[in-house]
């Protein structure tokens, strides 16, 4: 294949709770980067 597929996702915590702050935010970003590397997804 030859491809250029970009997806823009928006998603929220349950009940729109403001939980993605400080260490939770930092750890979430690390986890996303690890998952993207593992699955060959590129973070634009």
ModelCIF file with pLDDT and N, C-alpha, C, O atoms, coordinates in Angstrom:
data_MODEL
#
_entry.id   MODEL 
#
_entity.id                         1 
_entity.type                       polymer 
_entity.pdbx_number_of_molecules   1 
#
_entity_poly.entity_id                      1 
_entity_poly.type                           'polypeptide(L)' 
_entity_poly.nstd_linkage                   no 
_entity_poly.nstd_monomer                   no 
_entity_poly.pdbx_seq_one_letter_code       
;(UNK)(UNK)(UNK)(UNK)(UNK)(UNK)(UNK)(UNK)(UNK)(UNK)(UNK)(UNK)(UNK)(UNK)(UNK)(UNK)
(UNK)(UNK)(UNK)(UNK)(UNK)(UNK)(UNK)(UNK)(UNK)(UNK)(UNK)(UNK)(UNK)(UNK)(UNK)(UNK)
(UNK)(UNK)(UNK)(UNK)(UNK)(UNK)(UNK)(UNK)(UNK)(UNK)(UNK)(UNK)
;
_entity_poly.pdbx_seq_one_letter_code_can   XXXXXXXXXXXXXXXXXXXXXXXXXXXXXXXXXXXXXXXXXXXX 
_entity_poly.pdbx_strand_id                 A 
#
loop_
_entity_poly_seq.entity_id 
_entity_poly_seq.num 
_entity_poly_seq.mon_id 
_entity_poly_seq.hetero 
1 1  UNK n 
1 2  UNK n 
1 3  UNK n 
1 4  UNK n 
1 5  UNK n 
1 6  UNK n 
1 7  UNK n 
1 8  UNK n 
1 9  UNK n 
1 10 UNK n 
1 11 UNK n 
1 12 UNK n 
1 13 UNK n 
1 14 UNK n 
1 15 UNK n 
1 16 UNK n 
1 17 UNK n 
1 18 UNK n 
1 19 UNK n 
1 20 UNK n 
1 21 UNK n 
1 22 UNK n 
1 23 UNK n 
1 24 UNK n 
1 25 UNK n 
1 26 UNK n 
1 27 UNK n 
1 28 UNK n 
1 29 UNK n 
1 30 UNK n 
1 31 UNK n 
1 32 UNK n 
1 33 UNK n 
1 34 UNK n 
1 35 UNK n 
1 36 UNK n 
1 37 UNK n 
1 38 UNK n 
1 39 UNK n 
1 40 UNK n 
1 41 UNK n 
1 42 UNK n 
1 43 UNK n 
1 44 UNK n 
#
_struct_asym.id          A 
_struct_asym.entity_id   1 
#
loop_
_ma_qa_metric.id 
_ma_qa_metric.mode 
_ma_qa_metric.name 
_ma_qa_metric.software_group_id 
_ma_qa_metric.type 
1 global pLDDT . pLDDT 
2 local  pLDDT . pLDDT 
#
_ma_qa_metric_global.metric_id      1 
_ma_qa_metric_global.metric_value   96.11 
_ma_qa_metric_global.model_id       1 
_ma_qa_metric_global.ordinal_id     1 
#
loop_
_ma_qa_metric_local.label_asym_id 
_ma_qa_metric_local.label_comp_id 
_ma_qa_metric_local.label_seq_id 
_ma_qa_metric_local.metric_id 
_ma_qa_metric_local.metric_value 
_ma_qa_metric_local.model_id 
_ma_qa_metric_local.ordinal_id 
A UNK 1  2 95.00 1 1  
A UNK 2  2 94.00 1 2  
A UNK 3  2 93.00 1 3  
A UNK 4  2 91.00 1 4  
A UNK 5  2 93.00 1 5  
A UNK 6  2 92.00 1 6  
A UNK 7  2 94.00 1 7  
A UNK 8  2 93.00 1 8  
A UNK 9  2 95.00 1 9  
A UNK 10 2 96.00 1 10 
A UNK 11 2 97.00 1 11 
A UNK 12 2 97.00 1 12 
A UNK 13 2 97.00 1 13 
A UNK 14 2 95.00 1 14 
A UNK 15 2 92.00 1 15 
A UNK 16 2 95.00 1 16 
A UNK 17 2 95.00 1 17 
A UNK 18 2 96.00 1 18 
A UNK 19 2 97.00 1 19 
A UNK 20 2 97.00 1 20 
A UNK 21 2 97.00 1 21 
A UNK 22 2 97.00 1 22 
A UNK 23 2 98.00 1 23 
A UNK 24 2 98.00 1 24 
A UNK 25 2 97.00 1 25 
A UNK 26 2 98.00 1 26 
A UNK 27 2 98.00 1 27 
A UNK 28 2 98.00 1 28 
A UNK 29 2 98.00 1 29 
A UNK 30 2 98.00 1 30 
A UNK 31 2 98.00 1 31 
A UNK 32 2 98.00 1 32 
A UNK 33 2 98.00 1 33 
A UNK 34 2 98.00 1 34 
A UNK 35 2 98.00 1 35 
A UNK 36 2 98.00 1 36 
A UNK 37 2 98.00 1 37 
A UNK 38 2 98.00 1 38 
A UNK 39 2 98.00 1 39 
A UNK 40 2 96.00 1 40 
A UNK 41 2 97.00 1 41 
A UNK 42 2 96.00 1 42 
A UNK 43 2 95.00 1 43 
A UNK 44 2 92.00 1 44 
#
loop_
_atom_site.group_PDB 
_atom_site.id 
_atom_site.type_symbol 
_atom_site.label_atom_id 
_atom_site.label_alt_id 
_atom_site.label_comp_id 
_atom_site.label_asym_id 
_atom_site.label_entity_id 
_atom_site.label_seq_id 
_atom_site.pdbx_PDB_ins_code 
_atom_site.Cartn_x 
_atom_site.Cartn_y 
_atom_site.Cartn_z 
_atom_site.occupancy 
_atom_site.B_iso_or_equiv 
_atom_site.pdbx_formal_charge 
_atom_site.auth_seq_id 
_atom_site.auth_comp_id 
_atom_site.auth_asym_id 
_atom_site.auth_atom_id 
_atom_site.pdbx_PDB_model_num 
ATOM 1   N N  . UNK A 1 1  ? 0.816   -1.219 0.000  1.00 95.00 ? 1  UNK A N  1 
ATOM 2   C CA . UNK A 1 1  ? 0.000   0.000  0.000  1.00 95.00 ? 1  UNK A CA 1 
ATOM 3   C C  . UNK A 1 1  ? 0.846   1.265  0.000  1.00 95.00 ? 1  UNK A C  1 
ATOM 4   O O  . UNK A 1 1  ? 2.000   1.281  0.429  1.00 95.00 ? 1  UNK A O  1 
ATOM 5   N N  . UNK A 1 2  ? 0.223   2.314  -0.497 1.00 94.00 ? 2  UNK A N  1 
ATOM 6   C CA . UNK A 1 2  ? 0.741   3.670  -0.354 1.00 94.00 ? 2  UNK A CA 1 
ATOM 7   C C  . UNK A 1 2  ? -0.421  4.464  0.220  1.00 94.00 ? 2  UNK A C  1 
ATOM 8   O O  . UNK A 1 2  ? -1.511  4.456  -0.351 1.00 94.00 ? 2  UNK A O  1 
ATOM 9   N N  . UNK A 1 3  ? -0.208  5.154  1.342  1.00 93.00 ? 3  UNK A N  1 
ATOM 10  C CA . UNK A 1 3  ? -1.346  5.813  1.983  1.00 93.00 ? 3  UNK A CA 1 
ATOM 11  C C  . UNK A 1 3  ? -0.953  7.081  2.711  1.00 93.00 ? 3  UNK A C  1 
ATOM 12  O O  . UNK A 1 3  ? 0.208   7.301  3.055  1.00 93.00 ? 3  UNK A O  1 
ATOM 13  N N  . UNK A 1 4  ? -1.954  7.900  2.931  1.00 91.00 ? 4  UNK A N  1 
ATOM 14  C CA . UNK A 1 4  ? -1.850  9.074  3.782  1.00 91.00 ? 4  UNK A CA 1 
ATOM 15  C C  . UNK A 1 4  ? -3.200  9.194  4.481  1.00 91.00 ? 4  UNK A C  1 
ATOM 16  O O  . UNK A 1 4  ? -4.119  9.831  3.968  1.00 91.00 ? 4  UNK A O  1 
ATOM 17  N N  . UNK A 1 5  ? -3.312  8.581  5.648  1.00 93.00 ? 5  UNK A N  1 
ATOM 18  C CA . UNK A 1 5  ? -4.577  8.539  6.377  1.00 93.00 ? 5  UNK A CA 1 
ATOM 19  C C  . UNK A 1 5  ? -4.385  9.223  7.732  1.00 93.00 ? 5  UNK A C  1 
ATOM 20  O O  . UNK A 1 5  ? -3.655  8.739  8.596  1.00 93.00 ? 5  UNK A O  1 
ATOM 21  N N  . UNK A 1 6  ? -5.055  10.349 7.886  1.00 92.00 ? 6  UNK A N  1 
ATOM 22  C CA . UNK A 1 6  ? -4.988  11.114 9.130  1.00 92.00 ? 6  UNK A CA 1 
ATOM 23  C C  . UNK A 1 6  ? -6.370  11.156 9.766  1.00 92.00 ? 6  UNK A C  1 
ATOM 24  O O  . UNK A 1 6  ? -7.364  11.441 9.099  1.00 92.00 ? 6  UNK A O  1 
ATOM 25  N N  . UNK A 1 7  ? -6.422  10.871 11.050 1.00 94.00 ? 7  UNK A N  1 
ATOM 26  C CA . UNK A 1 7  ? -7.670  10.945 11.801 1.00 94.00 ? 7  UNK A CA 1 
ATOM 27  C C  . UNK A 1 7  ? -7.527  11.977 12.914 1.00 94.00 ? 7  UNK A C  1 
ATOM 28  O O  . UNK A 1 7  ? -6.531  12.000 13.637 1.00 94.00 ? 7  UNK A O  1 
ATOM 29  N N  . UNK A 1 8  ? -8.539  12.826 13.035 1.00 93.00 ? 8  UNK A N  1 
ATOM 30  C CA . UNK A 1 8  ? -8.630  13.754 14.159 1.00 93.00 ? 8  UNK A CA 1 
ATOM 31  C C  . UNK A 1 8  ? -9.650  13.172 15.126 1.00 93.00 ? 8  UNK A C  1 
ATOM 32  O O  . UNK A 1 8  ? -10.825 13.038 14.785 1.00 93.00 ? 8  UNK A O  1 
ATOM 33  N N  . UNK A 1 9  ? -9.210  12.826 16.328 1.00 95.00 ? 9  UNK A N  1 
ATOM 34  C CA . UNK A 1 9  ? -10.074 12.264 17.360 1.00 95.00 ? 9  UNK A CA 1 
ATOM 35  C C  . UNK A 1 9  ? -10.275 13.283 18.473 1.00 95.00 ? 9  UNK A C  1 
ATOM 36  O O  . UNK A 1 9  ? -9.363  14.035 18.815 1.00 95.00 ? 9  UNK A O  1 
ATOM 37  N N  . UNK A 1 10 ? -11.479 13.297 19.032 1.00 96.00 ? 10 UNK A N  1 
ATOM 38  C CA . UNK A 1 10 ? -11.748 14.048 20.256 1.00 96.00 ? 10 UNK A CA 1 
ATOM 39  C C  . UNK A 1 10 ? -12.530 13.103 21.162 1.00 96.00 ? 10 UNK A C  1 
ATOM 40  O O  . UNK A 1 10 ? -13.536 12.530 20.744 1.00 96.00 ? 10 UNK A O  1 
ATOM 41  N N  . UNK A 1 11 ? -12.069 12.941 22.402 1.00 97.00 ? 11 UNK A N  1 
ATOM 42  C CA . UNK A 1 11 ? -12.783 12.076 23.343 1.00 97.00 ? 11 UNK A CA 1 
ATOM 43  C C  . UNK A 1 11 ? -12.633 12.629 24.757 1.00 97.00 ? 11 UNK A C  1 
ATOM 44  O O  . UNK A 1 11 ? -11.710 13.388 25.051 1.00 97.00 ? 11 UNK A O  1 
ATOM 45  N N  . UNK A 1 12 ? -13.574 12.225 25.636 1.00 97.00 ? 12 UNK A N  1 
ATOM 46  C CA . UNK A 1 12 ? -13.700 12.826 26.964 1.00 97.00 ? 12 UNK A CA 1 
ATOM 47  C C  . UNK A 1 12 ? -13.738 11.774 28.062 1.00 97.00 ? 12 UNK A C  1 
ATOM 48  O O  . UNK A 1 12 ? -14.171 10.644 27.836 1.00 97.00 ? 12 UNK A O  1 
ATOM 49  N N  . UNK A 1 13 ? -13.281 12.152 29.254 1.00 97.00 ? 13 UNK A N  1 
ATOM 50  C CA . UNK A 1 13 ? -13.490 11.281 30.423 1.00 97.00 ? 13 UNK A CA 1 
ATOM 51  C C  . UNK A 1 13 ? -14.984 11.204 30.758 1.00 97.00 ? 13 UNK A C  1 
ATOM 52  O O  . UNK A 1 13 ? -15.763 12.090 30.405 1.00 97.00 ? 13 UNK A O  1 
ATOM 53  N N  . UNK A 1 14 ? -15.353 10.140 31.436 1.00 95.00 ? 14 UNK A N  1 
ATOM 54  C CA . UNK A 1 14 ? -16.749 9.970  31.872 1.00 95.00 ? 14 UNK A CA 1 
ATOM 55  C C  . UNK A 1 14 ? -17.222 11.192 32.647 1.00 95.00 ? 14 UNK A C  1 
ATOM 56  O O  . UNK A 1 14 ? -16.491 11.751 33.464 1.00 95.00 ? 14 UNK A O  1 
ATOM 57  N N  . UNK A 1 15 ? -18.440 11.587 32.376 1.00 92.00 ? 15 UNK A N  1 
ATOM 58  C CA . UNK A 1 15 ? -19.080 12.730 33.041 1.00 92.00 ? 15 UNK A CA 1 
ATOM 59  C C  . UNK A 1 15 ? -18.293 14.021 32.855 1.00 92.00 ? 15 UNK A C  1 
ATOM 60  O O  . UNK A 1 15 ? -18.448 14.972 33.621 1.00 92.00 ? 15 UNK A O  1 
ATOM 61  N N  . UNK A 1 16 ? -17.452 14.043 31.835 1.00 95.00 ? 16 UNK A N  1 
ATOM 62  C CA . UNK A 1 16 ? -16.620 15.210 31.491 1.00 95.00 ? 16 UNK A CA 1 
ATOM 63  C C  . UNK A 1 16 ? -15.815 15.698 32.700 1.00 95.00 ? 16 UNK A C  1 
ATOM 64  O O  . UNK A 1 16 ? -15.577 16.894 32.863 1.00 95.00 ? 16 UNK A O  1 
ATOM 65  N N  . UNK A 1 17 ? -15.407 14.754 33.534 1.00 95.00 ? 17 UNK A N  1 
ATOM 66  C CA . UNK A 1 17 ? -14.617 15.098 34.728 1.00 95.00 ? 17 UNK A CA 1 
ATOM 67  C C  . UNK A 1 17 ? -13.271 15.695 34.321 1.00 95.00 ? 17 UNK A C  1 
ATOM 68  O O  . UNK A 1 17 ? -12.665 15.262 33.341 1.00 95.00 ? 17 UNK A O  1 
ATOM 69  N N  . UNK A 1 18 ? -12.817 16.673 35.063 1.00 96.00 ? 18 UNK A N  1 
ATOM 70  C CA . UNK A 1 18 ? -11.538 17.332 34.771 1.00 96.00 ? 18 UNK A CA 1 
ATOM 71  C C  . UNK A 1 18 ? -10.400 16.575 35.475 1.00 96.00 ? 18 UNK A C  1 
ATOM 72  O O  . UNK A 1 18 ? -9.808  17.073 36.432 1.00 96.00 ? 18 UNK A O  1 
ATOM 73  N N  . UNK A 1 19 ? -10.111 15.373 34.985 1.00 97.00 ? 19 UNK A N  1 
ATOM 74  C CA . UNK A 1 19 ? -9.113  14.523 35.632 1.00 97.00 ? 19 UNK A CA 1 
ATOM 75  C C  . UNK A 1 19 ? -7.766  14.507 34.903 1.00 97.00 ? 19 UNK A C  1 
ATOM 76  O O  . UNK A 1 19 ? -6.781  14.000 35.440 1.00 97.00 ? 19 UNK A O  1 
ATOM 77  N N  . UNK A 1 20 ? -7.716  15.051 33.699 1.00 97.00 ? 20 UNK A N  1 
ATOM 78  C CA . UNK A 1 20 ? -6.484  15.001 32.904 1.00 97.00 ? 20 UNK A CA 1 
ATOM 79  C C  . UNK A 1 20 ? -5.599  16.204 33.228 1.00 97.00 ? 20 UNK A C  1 
ATOM 80  O O  . UNK A 1 20 ? -5.399  17.090 32.396 1.00 97.00 ? 20 UNK A O  1 
ATOM 81  N N  . UNK A 1 21 ? -5.077  16.214 34.445 1.00 97.00 ? 21 UNK A N  1 
ATOM 82  C CA . UNK A 1 21 ? -4.231  17.309 34.922 1.00 97.00 ? 21 UNK A CA 1 
ATOM 83  C C  . UNK A 1 21 ? -2.959  16.747 35.552 1.00 97.00 ? 21 UNK A C  1 
ATOM 84  O O  . UNK A 1 21 ? -2.912  15.581 35.945 1.00 97.00 ? 21 UNK A O  1 
ATOM 85  N N  . UNK A 1 22 ? -1.949  17.570 35.642 1.00 97.00 ? 22 UNK A N  1 
ATOM 86  C CA . UNK A 1 22 ? -0.644  17.282 36.255 1.00 97.00 ? 22 UNK A CA 1 
ATOM 87  C C  . UNK A 1 22 ? -0.109  15.889 35.911 1.00 97.00 ? 22 UNK A C  1 
ATOM 88  O O  . UNK A 1 22 ? 0.122   15.595 34.739 1.00 97.00 ? 22 UNK A O  1 
ATOM 89  N N  . UNK A 1 23 ? 0.093   15.019 36.924 1.00 98.00 ? 23 UNK A N  1 
ATOM 90  C CA . UNK A 1 23 ? 0.729   13.723 36.664 1.00 98.00 ? 23 UNK A CA 1 
ATOM 91  C C  . UNK A 1 23 ? -0.139  12.805 35.801 1.00 98.00 ? 23 UNK A C  1 
ATOM 92  O O  . UNK A 1 23 ? 0.387   12.006 35.027 1.00 98.00 ? 23 UNK A O  1 
ATOM 93  N N  . UNK A 1 24 ? -1.460  12.915 35.930 1.00 98.00 ? 24 UNK A N  1 
ATOM 94  C CA . UNK A 1 24 ? -2.353  12.084 35.105 1.00 98.00 ? 24 UNK A CA 1 
ATOM 95  C C  . UNK A 1 24 ? -2.182  12.471 33.633 1.00 98.00 ? 24 UNK A C  1 
ATOM 96  O O  . UNK A 1 24 ? -2.100  11.602 32.765 1.00 98.00 ? 24 UNK A O  1 
ATOM 97  N N  . UNK A 1 25 ? -2.129  13.766 33.359 1.00 97.00 ? 25 UNK A N  1 
ATOM 98  C CA . UNK A 1 25 ? -1.926  14.236 31.984 1.00 97.00 ? 25 UNK A CA 1 
ATOM 99  C C  . UNK A 1 25 ? -0.576  13.756 31.438 1.00 97.00 ? 25 UNK A C  1 
ATOM 100 O O  . UNK A 1 25 ? -0.500  13.251 30.318 1.00 97.00 ? 25 UNK A O  1 
ATOM 101 N N  . UNK A 1 26 ? 0.476   13.914 32.227 1.00 98.00 ? 26 UNK A N  1 
ATOM 102 C CA . UNK A 1 26 ? 1.816   13.508 31.784 1.00 98.00 ? 26 UNK A CA 1 
ATOM 103 C C  . UNK A 1 26 ? 1.867   12.006 31.501 1.00 98.00 ? 26 UNK A C  1 
ATOM 104 O O  . UNK A 1 26 ? 2.413   11.580 30.483 1.00 98.00 ? 26 UNK A O  1 
ATOM 105 N N  . UNK A 1 27 ? 1.299   11.212 32.401 1.00 98.00 ? 27 UNK A N  1 
ATOM 106 C CA . UNK A 1 27 ? 1.303   9.757  32.210 1.00 98.00 ? 27 UNK A CA 1 
ATOM 107 C C  . UNK A 1 27 ? 0.448   9.362  31.014 1.00 98.00 ? 27 UNK A C  1 
ATOM 108 O O  . UNK A 1 27 ? 0.812   8.455  30.265 1.00 98.00 ? 27 UNK A O  1 
ATOM 109 N N  . UNK A 1 28 ? -0.692  10.037 30.826 1.00 98.00 ? 28 UNK A N  1 
ATOM 110 C CA . UNK A 1 28 ? -1.542  9.766  29.664 1.00 98.00 ? 28 UNK A CA 1 
ATOM 111 C C  . UNK A 1 28 ? -0.760  9.996  28.371 1.00 98.00 ? 28 UNK A C  1 
ATOM 112 O O  . UNK A 1 28 ? -0.813  9.170  27.459 1.00 98.00 ? 28 UNK A O  1 
ATOM 113 N N  . UNK A 1 29 ? -0.037  11.108 28.289 1.00 98.00 ? 29 UNK A N  1 
ATOM 114 C CA . UNK A 1 29 ? 0.759   11.407 27.088 1.00 98.00 ? 29 UNK A CA 1 
ATOM 115 C C  . UNK A 1 29 ? 1.820   10.332 26.847 1.00 98.00 ? 29 UNK A C  1 
ATOM 116 O O  . UNK A 1 29 ? 2.040   9.924  25.706 1.00 98.00 ? 29 UNK A O  1 
ATOM 117 N N  . UNK A 1 30 ? 2.479   9.871  27.917 1.00 98.00 ? 30 UNK A N  1 
ATOM 118 C CA . UNK A 1 30 ? 3.470   8.797  27.786 1.00 98.00 ? 30 UNK A CA 1 
ATOM 119 C C  . UNK A 1 30 ? 2.827   7.525  27.236 1.00 98.00 ? 30 UNK A C  1 
ATOM 120 O O  . UNK A 1 30 ? 3.361   6.884  26.331 1.00 98.00 ? 30 UNK A O  1 
ATOM 121 N N  . UNK A 1 31 ? 1.674   7.175  27.797 1.00 98.00 ? 31 UNK A N  1 
ATOM 122 C CA . UNK A 1 31 ? 0.978   5.955  27.350 1.00 98.00 ? 31 UNK A CA 1 
ATOM 123 C C  . UNK A 1 31 ? 0.574   6.051  25.879 1.00 98.00 ? 31 UNK A C  1 
ATOM 124 O O  . UNK A 1 31 ? 0.706   5.083  25.130 1.00 98.00 ? 31 UNK A O  1 
ATOM 125 N N  . UNK A 1 32 ? 0.087   7.210  25.472 1.00 98.00 ? 32 UNK A N  1 
ATOM 126 C CA . UNK A 1 32 ? -0.307  7.406  24.070 1.00 98.00 ? 32 UNK A CA 1 
ATOM 127 C C  . UNK A 1 32 ? 0.908   7.262  23.165 1.00 98.00 ? 32 UNK A C  1 
ATOM 128 O O  . UNK A 1 32 ? 0.832   6.618  22.118 1.00 98.00 ? 32 UNK A O  1 
ATOM 129 N N  . UNK A 1 33 ? 2.028   7.859  23.563 1.00 98.00 ? 33 UNK A N  1 
ATOM 130 C CA . UNK A 1 33 ? 3.242   7.755  22.746 1.00 98.00 ? 33 UNK A CA 1 
ATOM 131 C C  . UNK A 1 33 ? 3.712   6.299  22.629 1.00 98.00 ? 33 UNK A C  1 
ATOM 132 O O  . UNK A 1 33 ? 4.121   5.862  21.553 1.00 98.00 ? 33 UNK A O  1 
ATOM 133 N N  . UNK A 1 34 ? 3.652   5.550  23.738 1.00 98.00 ? 34 UNK A N  1 
ATOM 134 C CA . UNK A 1 34 ? 4.038   4.139  23.710 1.00 98.00 ? 34 UNK A CA 1 
ATOM 135 C C  . UNK A 1 34 ? 3.127   3.332  22.792 1.00 98.00 ? 34 UNK A C  1 
ATOM 136 O O  . UNK A 1 34 ? 3.596   2.517  21.998 1.00 98.00 ? 34 UNK A O  1 
ATOM 137 N N  . UNK A 1 35 ? 1.821   3.563  22.907 1.00 98.00 ? 35 UNK A N  1 
ATOM 138 C CA . UNK A 1 35 ? 0.857   2.840  22.072 1.00 98.00 ? 35 UNK A CA 1 
ATOM 139 C C  . UNK A 1 35 ? 1.051   3.163  20.594 1.00 98.00 ? 35 UNK A C  1 
ATOM 140 O O  . UNK A 1 35 ? 0.982   2.280  19.740 1.00 98.00 ? 35 UNK A O  1 
ATOM 141 N N  . UNK A 1 36 ? 1.292   4.433  20.306 1.00 98.00 ? 36 UNK A N  1 
ATOM 142 C CA . UNK A 1 36 ? 1.481   4.842  18.918 1.00 98.00 ? 36 UNK A CA 1 
ATOM 143 C C  . UNK A 1 36 ? 2.735   4.202  18.329 1.00 98.00 ? 36 UNK A C  1 
ATOM 144 O O  . UNK A 1 36 ? 2.731   3.760  17.180 1.00 98.00 ? 36 UNK A O  1 
ATOM 145 N N  . UNK A 1 37 ? 3.793   4.155  19.110 1.00 98.00 ? 37 UNK A N  1 
ATOM 146 C CA . UNK A 1 37 ? 5.021   3.509  18.650 1.00 98.00 ? 37 UNK A CA 1 
ATOM 147 C C  . UNK A 1 37 ? 4.780   2.028  18.386 1.00 98.00 ? 37 UNK A C  1 
ATOM 148 O O  . UNK A 1 37 ? 5.193   1.496  17.356 1.00 98.00 ? 37 UNK A O  1 
ATOM 149 N N  . UNK A 1 38 ? 4.116   1.376  19.315 1.00 98.00 ? 38 UNK A N  1 
ATOM 150 C CA . UNK A 1 38 ? 3.853   -0.056 19.216 1.00 98.00 ? 38 UNK A CA 1 
ATOM 151 C C  . UNK A 1 38 ? 2.986   -0.406 17.998 1.00 98.00 ? 38 UNK A C  1 
ATOM 152 O O  . UNK A 1 38 ? 3.184   -1.445 17.370 1.00 98.00 ? 38 UNK A O  1 
ATOM 153 N N  . UNK A 1 39 ? 2.021   0.473  17.669 1.00 98.00 ? 39 UNK A N  1 
ATOM 154 C CA . UNK A 1 39 ? 1.068   0.195  16.594 1.00 98.00 ? 39 UNK A CA 1 
ATOM 155 C C  . UNK A 1 39 ? 1.414   0.875  15.270 1.00 98.00 ? 39 UNK A C  1 
ATOM 156 O O  . UNK A 1 39 ? 0.643   0.795  14.314 1.00 98.00 ? 39 UNK A O  1 
ATOM 157 N N  . UNK A 1 40 ? 2.560   1.540  15.206 1.00 96.00 ? 40 UNK A N  1 
ATOM 158 C CA . UNK A 1 40 ? 3.012   2.227  14.001 1.00 96.00 ? 40 UNK A CA 1 
ATOM 159 C C  . UNK A 1 40 ? 2.068   3.360  13.601 1.00 96.00 ? 40 UNK A C  1 
ATOM 160 O O  . UNK A 1 40 ? 1.812   3.579  12.417 1.00 96.00 ? 40 UNK A O  1 
ATOM 161 N N  . UNK A 1 41 ? 1.552   4.077  14.606 1.00 97.00 ? 41 UNK A N  1 
ATOM 162 C CA . UNK A 1 41 ? 0.764   5.284  14.363 1.00 97.00 ? 41 UNK A CA 1 
ATOM 163 C C  . UNK A 1 41 ? 1.669   6.468  14.617 1.00 97.00 ? 41 UNK A C  1 
ATOM 164 O O  . UNK A 1 41 ? 2.487   6.444  15.535 1.00 97.00 ? 41 UNK A O  1 
ATOM 165 N N  . UNK A 1 42 ? 1.527   7.504  13.808 1.00 96.00 ? 42 UNK A N  1 
ATOM 166 C CA . UNK A 1 42 ? 2.338   8.705  13.984 1.00 96.00 ? 42 UNK A CA 1 
ATOM 167 C C  . UNK A 1 42 ? 1.484   9.813  14.589 1.00 96.00 ? 42 UNK A C  1 
ATOM 168 O O  . UNK A 1 42 ? 0.394   10.101 14.093 1.00 96.00 ? 42 UNK A O  1 
ATOM 169 N N  . UNK A 1 43 ? 1.969   10.427 15.648 1.00 95.00 ? 43 UNK A N  1 
ATOM 170 C CA . UNK A 1 43 ? 1.253   11.540 16.277 1.00 95.00 ? 43 UNK A CA 1 
ATOM 171 C C  . UNK A 1 43 ? 1.584   12.808 15.492 1.00 95.00 ? 43 UNK A C  1 
ATOM 172 O O  . UNK A 1 43 ? 2.726   13.268 15.484 1.00 95.00 ? 43 UNK A O  1 
ATOM 173 N N  . UNK A 1 44 ? 0.577   13.360 14.839 1.00 92.00 ? 44 UNK A N  1 
ATOM 174 C CA . UNK A 1 44 ? 0.755   14.628 14.133 1.00 92.00 ? 44 UNK A CA 1 
ATOM 175 C C  . UNK A 1 44 ? 0.611   15.761 15.135 1.00 92.00 ? 44 UNK A C  1 
ATOM 176 O O  . UNK A 1 44 ? 0.723   16.930 14.764 1.00 92.00 ? 44 UNK A O  1 
#
